[in-house]
Structure formats: structure tokens, C-alpha cells
């Protein structure tokens, strides 16, 4: 799964900056930036938090392809 695009889309739908999303997840701005740029992938713990945000805000992300 391409988390860089998912995270960008989540931020876009929630109208959040990278810093704001980082604060929601309890991580640094640079972590969010590296995920979005595809340099690193979030940990399982952060993936769960991201999933909770998707569910909380009823965000549906369609798969490409």
C-alpha cells in the first residue's frame, strides 16, 4: 500500500498541514514529511492511528488501479 499518497489525501480531506497532522498523531513534522515523500513508512502503531482518523471522519479513499 502506498502510504505517501494516502497520508496526503487524508491531510487534504481534513484540511490539515503536515504539522497539524503530526500533532494529531503524536509525531514530528519531519516524520509526516518523510512519509509523504516516500522516504519512510509509518510504524504499525501510526498506521492504526491513521486508520482511526479515516474511520472517525468517515473518509473513503478509493484505490487507484
Protein backbone atom coordinates (compact mmCIF):
# COMPACT_ATOMS: atom_id res chain seq x y z
CA UNK A 1 0.00 0.00 0.00
CA UNK A 2 1.28 3.47 -0.89
CA UNK A 3 1.08 5.36 2.38
CA UNK A 4 2.58 8.52 0.94
CA UNK A 5 -0.49 9.15 -1.21
CA UNK A 6 -2.91 8.02 1.49
CA UNK A 7 -1.44 10.43 4.02
CA UNK A 8 -1.51 13.31 1.54
CA UNK A 9 -5.14 12.57 0.71
CA UNK A 10 -6.08 12.30 4.38
CA UNK A 11 -4.48 15.67 5.10
CA UNK A 12 -6.22 17.17 2.10
CA UNK A 13 -9.64 15.92 3.16
CA UNK A 14 -9.13 17.12 6.74
CA UNK A 15 -7.54 20.39 5.55
CA UNK A 16 -4.54 19.93 7.83
CA UNK A 17 -0.94 20.98 7.50
CA UNK A 18 1.80 18.43 8.00
CA UNK A 19 2.46 19.95 11.42
CA UNK A 20 -1.20 19.67 12.42
CA UNK A 21 -1.38 16.03 11.35
CA UNK A 22 1.87 15.34 13.18
CA UNK A 23 0.37 16.80 16.36
CA UNK A 24 -2.75 14.64 15.99
CA UNK A 25 -0.60 11.53 15.61
CA UNK A 26 1.93 12.45 18.29
CA UNK A 27 4.89 12.51 15.89
CA UNK A 28 7.18 15.18 14.46
CA UNK A 29 6.57 17.25 11.35
CA UNK A 30 9.62 15.62 9.77
CA UNK A 31 8.09 12.15 10.21
CA UNK A 32 4.97 13.17 8.30
CA UNK A 33 7.12 14.85 5.67
CA UNK A 34 9.24 11.70 5.18
CA UNK A 35 6.12 9.52 4.89
CA UNK A 36 4.58 11.80 2.28
CA UNK A 37 7.81 11.89 0.30
CA UNK A 38 8.06 8.09 0.39
CA UNK A 39 11.34 8.09 2.31
CA UNK A 40 9.93 6.14 5.25
CA UNK A 41 6.77 4.24 6.08
CA UNK A 42 4.78 4.79 9.28
CA UNK A 43 5.05 2.23 12.06
CA UNK A 44 2.19 -0.20 12.73
CA UNK A 45 1.16 1.97 15.69
CA UNK A 46 0.90 5.07 13.48
CA UNK A 47 -0.89 3.13 10.74
CA UNK A 48 -3.52 2.22 13.34
CA UNK A 49 -3.86 5.87 14.34
CA UNK A 50 -4.23 6.84 10.68
CA UNK A 51 -6.91 4.21 10.27
CA UNK A 52 -8.74 5.62 13.31
CA UNK A 53 -8.69 9.06 11.69
CA UNK A 54 -10.09 7.65 8.45
CA UNK A 55 -12.89 5.96 10.40
CA UNK A 56 -13.57 8.90 12.72
CA UNK A 57 -14.02 11.32 9.84
CA UNK A 58 -15.62 8.71 7.56
CA UNK A 59 -13.03 9.27 4.88
CA UNK A 60 -13.16 6.88 1.98
CA UNK A 61 -10.06 6.63 -0.14
CA UNK A 62 -10.58 4.86 -3.41
CA UNK A 63 -7.80 2.60 -4.53
CA UNK A 64 -6.08 3.51 -7.74
CA UNK A 65 -5.83 0.92 -10.46
